[in-house]
Amino acid sequence: MKIGVNLARLILAVTFIFSGYVKAVDPLGTQYKIQDYLEALGLPGVVPDWLTLSTSVVLAGVEFALGVFLLTAIHRRGVAKVTLAFMLIATPITIWLYVVNPIEDCGCFGDALKLSNGQTLLKNVVLTLCAIVVCRWYSKMHMLFLRRAQWMIVNATIILIIGQSLYSLYDLPPFDFRPYHVGADLRQGMEIPPEAEKPKFETTFILRKDGEEREFTLDNYPDSTWEFVDARTVQVSQGYVPPIHDFSIVLNETGEDITEEVLCHKKPVLLLIAPYLEKADDSNFGQIDLIYEYAHEAGWPMYCLTASGSKAIQRWIDMTGAEYPFCTTDATTLKTIIRSNPGLLLLKNGVVKGKWSHNRLPSIEDLQK
């Protein structure tokens, strides 16, 4: 029994520590996933951004802390009860995800590990069973530290995980699991291998004969005595989807698609990424203007990629005196590229050479290097 309880505790601890830490590494990514849930529930824009971001930070902190406390067997009875309560809330949500399928990925492990809704449900069932075992026989968990030292573990855990979230919000996630990480070749990420699985479709035909309507497929299509009524085609298999499948850059001034030109440019290209200019931080626009002046003198193209409309763009120009051209790109893609609004991306021949938050913009010396 003791071995079983401690094995269940170890499974819970490792899972919670990993899940909490990858959320803390990328709090904005967790916020976007929370907003996806709200949109699936028909509540887009109802909850303010500050609250979804706060929820992201708190959720990461709770998961990580529970994992550490389970691992070290701190406050065994209380932690076991909270863990079980957490799983009893999370598991019904994963059942809803599996049955309704409103979101393809639950976001349990951020971008570090993607699970299908079926895999997520199985994971949570296993974790719930482990939580029941730990809650029922919490006294059999082996303690690693004396009681008088436990307060140090509690404080250090909270400071570590909150500090990690705040650092990632100020700068950028220290670990980038997305396909736009430094060193990534964007053109390669957009390629579809020749041997890749193709999407599959199935067509159903509705035919009538002697007043009776029936459905047929191509495999059992009847003779010409049946009268055609209707047909519908559904996708039964998605096939291979490249890591980068929705990246495009359209120049606002002319409406020209310059994606290929940007990705194939032999000289460095600077992209100022601002999903929503109306929400972008303008406190460092002076440094952005200096970067643009250097890029212009060096013959480097620089564009601002945004999903905002002309009104927000004009407001940004009036506030910052921006002279760089503006382009339209999908908002979700921009939020995936960099966790900063705005953020700066340096490309050369389609390869990501550098990424910076608006709080840690590169100096001219950094760009020269």
Protein backbone atom coordinates (compact mmCIF):
# COMPACT_ATOMS: atom_id res chain seq x y z
CA MET A 1 0.00 0.00 0.00
CA LYS A 2 2.80 2.40 0.90
CA ILE A 3 4.55 1.78 -2.42
CA GLY A 4 1.30 2.32 -4.33
CA VAL A 5 0.53 5.59 -2.54
CA ASN A 6 4.00 6.98 -3.11
CA LEU A 7 3.92 5.91 -6.78
CA ALA A 8 0.60 7.76 -7.20
CA ARG A 9 2.09 10.76 -5.44
CA LEU A 10 5.14 10.71 -7.74
CA ILE A 11 2.96 10.59 -10.89
CA LEU A 12 0.92 13.54 -9.64
CA ALA A 13 3.98 15.51 -8.55
CA VAL A 14 5.91 15.15 -11.81
CA THR A 15 2.85 15.97 -13.92
CA PHE A 16 1.89 19.03 -11.87
CA ILE A 17 5.45 20.37 -11.72
CA PHE A 18 5.88 20.03 -15.49
CA SER A 19 2.44 21.44 -16.29
CA GLY A 20 2.82 24.38 -13.91
CA TYR A 21 6.33 25.27 -15.03
CA VAL A 22 5.62 25.31 -18.78
CA LYS A 23 2.63 27.56 -18.05
CA ALA A 24 4.82 29.88 -15.96
CA VAL A 25 7.43 29.96 -18.73
CA ASP A 26 4.77 31.19 -21.16
CA PRO A 27 1.99 32.99 -19.21
CA LEU A 28 0.76 34.84 -22.30
CA GLY A 29 0.32 31.53 -24.13
CA THR A 30 -1.78 30.24 -21.22
CA GLN A 31 -3.80 33.46 -21.30
CA TYR A 32 -4.53 32.95 -25.01
CA LYS A 33 -5.69 29.39 -24.28
CA ILE A 34 -8.00 30.65 -21.51
CA GLN A 35 -9.44 33.12 -24.01
CA ASP A 36 -10.00 30.22 -26.43
CA TYR A 37 -12.03 28.46 -23.74
CA LEU A 38 -14.10 31.59 -23.15
CA GLU A 39 -14.70 31.94 -26.88
CA ALA A 40 -15.82 28.29 -27.07
CA LEU A 41 -18.30 29.06 -24.27
CA GLY A 42 -19.65 32.04 -26.21
CA LEU A 43 -17.99 34.58 -23.88
CA PRO A 44 -15.37 36.32 -26.08
CA GLY A 45 -14.33 39.69 -24.71
CA VAL A 46 -16.48 39.34 -21.57
CA VAL A 47 -13.57 38.75 -19.17
CA PRO A 48 -10.96 41.56 -19.17
CA ASP A 49 -7.40 40.80 -20.26
CA TRP A 50 -5.93 41.57 -16.84
CA LEU A 51 -8.13 38.92 -15.26
CA THR A 52 -7.31 36.19 -17.81
CA LEU A 53 -3.60 36.99 -17.44
CA SER A 54 -3.86 36.91 -13.63
CA THR A 55 -5.67 33.58 -13.88
CA SER A 56 -2.84 32.28 -16.08
CA VAL A 57 -0.20 33.22 -13.51
CA VAL A 58 -2.23 31.86 -10.57
CA LEU A 59 -3.01 28.59 -12.37
CA ALA A 60 0.68 28.02 -13.13
CA GLY A 61 1.59 28.80 -9.52
CA VAL A 62 -1.05 26.48 -8.05
CA GLU A 63 -0.10 23.53 -10.28
CA PHE A 64 3.64 23.93 -9.71
CA ALA A 65 3.25 24.41 -5.96
CA LEU A 66 0.98 21.36 -5.61
CA GLY A 67 3.54 19.33 -7.53
CA VAL A 68 6.44 20.41 -5.31
CA PHE A 69 4.40 19.93 -2.11
CA LEU A 70 3.36 16.44 -3.23
CA LEU A 71 6.93 15.57 -4.13
CA THR A 72 8.25 16.66 -0.74
CA ALA A 73 5.10 15.57 1.19
CA ILE A 74 4.61 19.00 2.74
CA HIS A 75 1.25 19.48 4.54
CA ARG A 76 0.20 16.06 3.31
CA ARG A 77 -3.45 16.08 4.33
CA GLY A 78 -4.31 19.57 3.05
CA VAL A 79 -2.31 19.23 -0.17
CA ALA A 80 -3.91 15.85 -0.93
CA LYS A 81 -7.41 17.32 -0.52
CA VAL A 82 -6.64 20.35 -2.70
CA THR A 83 -5.14 18.08 -5.38
CA LEU A 84 -8.25 15.91 -5.46
CA ALA A 85 -10.50 18.99 -5.62
CA PHE A 86 -8.39 20.33 -8.49
CA MET A 87 -8.77 17.09 -10.45
CA LEU A 88 -12.52 16.90 -9.75
CA ILE A 89 -12.82 20.32 -11.41
CA ALA A 90 -10.42 19.65 -14.28
CA THR A 91 -11.69 16.20 -15.30
CA PRO A 92 -15.29 17.24 -16.17
CA ILE A 93 -13.79 19.98 -18.35
CA THR A 94 -11.77 17.38 -20.26
CA ILE A 95 -14.90 15.24 -20.67
CA TRP A 96 -16.59 18.26 -22.25
CA LEU A 97 -13.57 18.76 -24.51
CA TYR A 98 -13.68 15.11 -25.62
CA VAL A 99 -17.43 15.05 -26.29
CA VAL A 100 -17.95 18.50 -27.83
CA ASN A 101 -14.42 19.08 -29.23
CA PRO A 102 -14.59 22.91 -29.09
CA ILE A 103 -10.78 23.19 -28.87
CA GLU A 104 -8.24 20.89 -30.48
CA ASP A 105 -5.62 21.16 -27.71
CA CYS A 106 -6.44 21.62 -24.02
CA GLY A 107 -3.26 23.60 -23.35
CA CYS A 108 -2.39 21.47 -20.30
CA PHE A 109 1.31 21.53 -21.16
CA GLY A 110 1.44 24.71 -23.22
CA ASP A 111 3.39 24.40 -26.46
CA ALA A 112 5.85 21.94 -24.91
CA LEU A 113 3.58 18.91 -25.38
CA LYS A 114 0.42 18.69 -27.46
CA LEU A 115 -2.27 16.17 -26.52
CA SER A 116 -5.46 15.23 -28.30
CA ASN A 117 -8.68 15.63 -26.33
CA GLY A 118 -8.88 11.85 -25.98
CA GLN A 119 -5.34 11.67 -24.58
CA THR A 120 -6.11 14.56 -22.23
CA LEU A 121 -9.18 12.78 -20.87
CA LEU A 122 -7.21 9.56 -20.30
CA LYS A 123 -4.47 11.54 -18.53
CA ASN A 124 -6.96 13.22 -16.21
CA VAL A 125 -8.72 9.95 -15.38
CA VAL A 126 -5.38 8.46 -14.34
CA LEU A 127 -4.47 11.56 -12.31
CA THR A 128 -7.88 11.59 -10.62
CA LEU A 129 -7.44 7.96 -9.55
CA CYS A 130 -3.98 8.81 -8.22
CA ALA A 131 -5.43 11.82 -6.35
CA ILE A 132 -8.10 9.60 -4.74
CA VAL A 133 -5.43 7.16 -3.55
CA VAL A 134 -3.23 9.93 -2.18
CA CYS A 135 -6.16 11.65 -0.46
CA ARG A 136 -7.38 8.41 1.13
CA TRP A 137 -3.98 7.29 2.44
CA TYR A 138 -2.10 10.60 2.70
CA SER A 139 -0.33 9.51 5.91
CA LYS A 140 1.63 6.89 3.96
CA MET A 141 3.42 9.54 1.86
CA HIS A 142 7.07 9.60 2.86
CA MET A 143 8.18 13.05 4.08
CA LEU A 144 11.50 14.35 2.74
CA PHE A 145 11.95 17.31 5.10
CA LEU A 146 11.43 17.96 8.78
CA ARG A 147 8.42 20.11 9.65
CA ARG A 148 10.55 23.05 10.80
CA ALA A 149 12.14 23.25 7.33
CA GLN A 150 8.92 23.02 5.36
CA TRP A 151 8.20 26.76 5.47
CA MET A 152 11.42 27.35 3.54
CA ILE A 153 10.25 24.98 0.76
CA VAL A 154 6.86 26.69 0.61
CA ASN A 155 8.33 30.19 0.34
CA ALA A 156 11.01 29.20 -2.17
CA THR A 157 8.44 27.44 -4.38
CA ILE A 158 6.08 30.43 -4.47
CA ILE A 159 8.88 32.94 -5.11
CA LEU A 160 10.39 30.76 -7.87
CA ILE A 161 7.20 30.17 -9.85
CA ILE A 162 5.80 33.70 -9.52
CA GLY A 163 9.22 35.12 -10.38
CA GLN A 164 9.40 32.92 -13.48
CA SER A 165 5.99 34.16 -14.70
CA LEU A 166 6.91 37.82 -14.12
CA TYR A 167 10.27 37.41 -15.88
CA SER A 168 8.60 35.80 -18.91
CA LEU A 169 6.06 38.63 -19.06
CA TYR A 170 8.76 41.30 -18.90
CA ASP A 171 11.14 39.68 -21.37
CA LEU A 172 10.32 36.56 -23.43
CA PRO A 173 9.85 32.89 -22.47
CA PRO A 174 13.32 31.42 -21.80
CA PHE A 175 12.23 28.21 -23.56
CA ASP A 176 10.53 28.64 -26.94
CA PHE A 177 8.63 25.53 -28.10
CA ARG A 178 6.92 27.25 -31.04
CA PRO A 179 8.00 26.90 -34.71
CA TYR A 180 9.28 30.52 -34.74
CA HIS A 181 12.11 30.00 -32.23
CA VAL A 182 15.57 31.46 -32.79
CA GLY A 183 17.34 29.32 -35.38
CA ALA A 184 14.12 28.14 -37.05
CA ASP A 185 13.96 28.18 -40.86
CA LEU A 186 10.48 29.49 -41.60
CA ARG A 187 10.50 28.31 -45.22
CA GLN A 188 11.37 24.80 -44.11
CA GLY A 189 8.60 24.95 -41.52
CA MET A 190 6.08 25.73 -44.27
CA GLU A 191 7.05 22.82 -46.52
CA ILE A 192 4.89 19.73 -46.99
CA PRO A 193 6.99 16.57 -47.58
CA PRO A 194 6.10 14.66 -50.78
CA GLU A 195 5.35 11.49 -48.77
CA ALA A 196 3.14 13.35 -46.26
CA GLU A 197 -0.40 12.14 -45.69
CA LYS A 198 -2.94 14.03 -47.79
CA PRO A 199 -6.30 15.20 -46.44
CA LYS A 200 -9.14 12.77 -47.13
CA PHE A 201 -12.70 13.64 -48.05
CA GLU A 202 -15.87 11.58 -48.27
CA THR A 203 -18.82 12.48 -50.47
CA THR A 204 -22.32 11.30 -49.65
CA PHE A 205 -25.01 11.34 -52.35
CA ILE A 206 -28.71 11.64 -51.58
CA LEU A 207 -30.79 9.91 -54.27
CA ARG A 208 -34.51 9.30 -54.73
CA LYS A 209 -36.44 6.39 -56.26
CA ASP A 210 -40.16 5.66 -56.05
CA GLY A 211 -40.54 8.44 -53.47
CA GLU A 212 -37.84 6.98 -51.19
CA GLU A 213 -34.64 8.90 -50.43
CA ARG A 214 -31.43 7.10 -49.48
CA GLU A 215 -27.78 8.01 -48.95
CA PHE A 216 -24.97 6.44 -50.98
CA THR A 217 -21.21 6.78 -51.29
CA LEU A 218 -19.02 6.25 -54.34
CA ASP A 219 -18.49 2.65 -53.21
CA ASN A 220 -22.17 1.71 -53.40
CA TYR A 221 -23.48 4.22 -55.93
CA PRO A 222 -26.66 2.72 -57.55
CA ASP A 223 -27.77 2.51 -61.18
CA SER A 224 -29.24 5.34 -63.26
CA THR A 225 -32.82 4.59 -62.19
CA TRP A 226 -32.17 6.65 -59.04
CA GLU A 227 -32.76 10.42 -59.22
CA PHE A 228 -30.06 12.75 -57.86
CA VAL A 229 -31.26 15.00 -55.01
CA ASP A 230 -28.20 16.40 -53.23
CA ALA A 231 -24.56 15.73 -52.31
CA ARG A 232 -22.35 16.75 -49.42
CA THR A 233 -18.62 16.38 -48.88
CA VAL A 234 -16.98 16.20 -45.47
CA GLN A 235 -13.32 16.00 -44.50
CA VAL A 236 -12.67 12.75 -42.66
CA SER A 237 -8.91 13.12 -42.23
CA GLN A 238 -6.89 16.31 -41.94
CA GLY A 239 -3.66 14.87 -43.24
CA TYR A 240 -0.26 16.44 -42.61
CA VAL A 241 -0.27 20.06 -41.46
CA PRO A 242 3.14 21.80 -41.54
CA PRO A 243 4.26 23.53 -38.33
CA ILE A 244 3.92 26.91 -40.07
CA HIS A 245 0.76 26.96 -42.20
CA ASP A 246 -0.79 30.40 -41.77
CA PHE A 247 2.10 32.84 -42.15
CA SER A 248 1.57 35.54 -44.76
CA ILE A 249 2.54 39.21 -45.08
CA VAL A 250 0.38 41.58 -47.12
CA LEU A 251 1.68 45.12 -47.67
CA ASN A 252 -1.10 47.52 -46.67
CA GLU A 253 -0.11 50.25 -49.12
CA THR A 254 -0.45 48.10 -52.25
CA GLY A 255 -2.21 44.91 -51.09
CA GLU A 256 0.75 42.89 -52.40
CA ASP A 257 1.70 39.60 -50.74
CA ILE A 258 5.40 39.99 -49.89
CA THR A 259 5.82 36.79 -47.84
CA GLU A 260 8.20 35.16 -50.30
CA GLU A 261 10.19 38.36 -50.73
CA VAL A 262 10.68 38.69 -46.96
CA LEU A 263 11.61 35.04 -46.43
CA CYS A 264 14.06 34.93 -49.33
CA HIS A 265 15.78 38.26 -48.68
CA LYS A 266 19.56 37.81 -48.50
CA LYS A 267 20.04 40.78 -46.18
CA PRO A 268 18.60 40.91 -42.67
CA VAL A 269 14.91 41.83 -42.39
CA LEU A 270 13.43 43.36 -39.25
CA LEU A 271 9.80 42.67 -38.40
CA LEU A 272 8.07 44.67 -35.68
CA ILE A 273 5.35 42.31 -34.46
CA ALA A 274 2.25 43.97 -32.97
CA PRO A 275 -0.89 41.79 -33.04
CA TYR A 276 -3.04 44.71 -31.86
CA LEU A 277 -1.53 48.19 -32.15
CA GLU A 278 -4.37 49.64 -30.07
CA LYS A 279 -3.06 47.55 -27.13
CA ALA A 280 0.65 47.79 -27.94
CA ASP A 281 3.09 49.26 -25.43
CA ASP A 282 4.44 52.54 -26.85
CA SER A 283 6.87 53.33 -24.02
CA ASN A 284 9.93 52.34 -26.08
CA PHE A 285 8.97 53.77 -29.47
CA GLY A 286 12.09 55.98 -29.42
CA GLN A 287 14.34 52.91 -29.49
CA ILE A 288 12.19 51.38 -32.23
CA ASP A 289 12.64 54.52 -34.34
CA LEU A 290 16.42 54.38 -33.80
CA ILE A 291 16.43 50.74 -34.93
CA TYR A 292 14.46 51.70 -38.05
CA GLU A 293 16.90 54.52 -38.87
CA TYR A 294 19.85 52.13 -38.56
CA ALA A 295 18.09 49.49 -40.68
CA HIS A 296 17.23 52.08 -43.34
CA GLU A 297 20.87 53.25 -43.53
CA ALA A 298 22.12 49.65 -43.66
CA GLY A 299 19.70 48.74 -46.44
CA TRP A 300 17.71 46.32 -44.29
CA PRO A 301 13.95 46.18 -44.92
CA MET A 302 11.80 46.76 -41.83
CA TYR A 303 8.05 46.20 -41.62
CA CYS A 304 5.44 46.35 -38.91
CA LEU A 305 3.19 43.28 -38.96
CA THR A 306 -0.21 43.76 -37.35
CA ALA A 307 -3.81 42.58 -37.46
CA SER A 308 -5.13 46.05 -36.55
CA GLY A 309 -7.16 48.21 -38.87
CA SER A 310 -6.23 51.52 -40.50
CA LYS A 311 -7.53 53.61 -37.59
CA ALA A 312 -5.24 51.92 -35.05
CA ILE A 313 -2.30 52.08 -37.47
CA GLN A 314 -2.78 55.82 -38.01
CA ARG A 315 -3.01 56.37 -34.26
CA TRP A 316 0.31 54.51 -33.80
CA ILE A 317 1.93 56.62 -36.53
CA ASP A 318 0.68 59.85 -34.93
CA MET A 319 1.99 58.80 -31.49
CA THR A 320 5.38 57.41 -32.52
CA GLY A 321 6.18 59.10 -35.81
CA ALA A 322 6.68 55.67 -37.40
CA GLU A 323 8.01 55.74 -40.98
CA TYR A 324 8.27 51.99 -41.59
CA PRO A 325 5.62 50.34 -43.81
CA PHE A 326 2.74 48.40 -42.23
CA CYS A 327 1.58 44.94 -43.25
CA THR A 328 -1.38 42.74 -42.39
CA THR A 329 -0.85 39.30 -40.83
CA ASP A 330 -3.21 37.01 -38.96
CA ALA A 331 -3.48 37.92 -35.25
CA THR A 332 -3.12 34.34 -34.00
CA THR A 333 0.03 33.90 -36.07
CA LEU A 334 1.53 37.11 -34.69
CA LYS A 335 0.78 36.07 -31.10
CA THR A 336 2.44 32.73 -31.84
CA ILE A 337 5.56 34.30 -33.34
CA ILE A 338 6.48 36.34 -30.27
CA ARG A 339 4.99 36.81 -26.81
CA SER A 340 5.28 40.58 -26.80
CA ASN A 341 3.17 43.43 -28.14
CA PRO A 342 5.15 44.84 -29.79
CA GLY A 343 8.14 42.57 -30.25
CA LEU A 344 11.01 42.55 -32.73
CA LEU A 345 12.03 39.67 -35.01
CA LEU A 346 15.24 39.53 -37.07
CA LEU A 347 15.21 37.29 -40.16
CA LYS A 348 17.94 36.50 -42.62
CA ASN A 349 17.20 34.31 -45.61
CA GLY A 350 14.10 33.03 -43.83
CA VAL A 351 15.95 32.00 -40.64
CA VAL A 352 15.09 33.58 -37.29
CA LYS A 353 18.28 35.22 -36.02
CA GLY A 354 16.89 37.12 -33.05
CA LYS A 355 13.75 37.89 -31.02
CA TRP A 356 13.30 40.70 -28.53
CA SER A 357 10.55 41.96 -26.25
CA HIS A 358 9.71 45.67 -26.35
CA ASN A 359 11.22 45.81 -22.85
CA ARG A 360 14.57 44.39 -24.02
CA LEU A 361 15.05 45.82 -27.50
CA PRO A 362 18.51 45.34 -29.04
CA SER A 363 21.01 48.15 -29.20
CA ILE A 364 22.57 49.22 -32.48
CA GLU A 365 25.74 47.38 -31.42
CA ASP A 366 23.72 44.18 -30.96
CA LEU A 367 22.27 44.52 -34.47
CA GLN A 368 25.71 45.14 -35.94
CA LYS A 369 26.93 41.92 -34.35
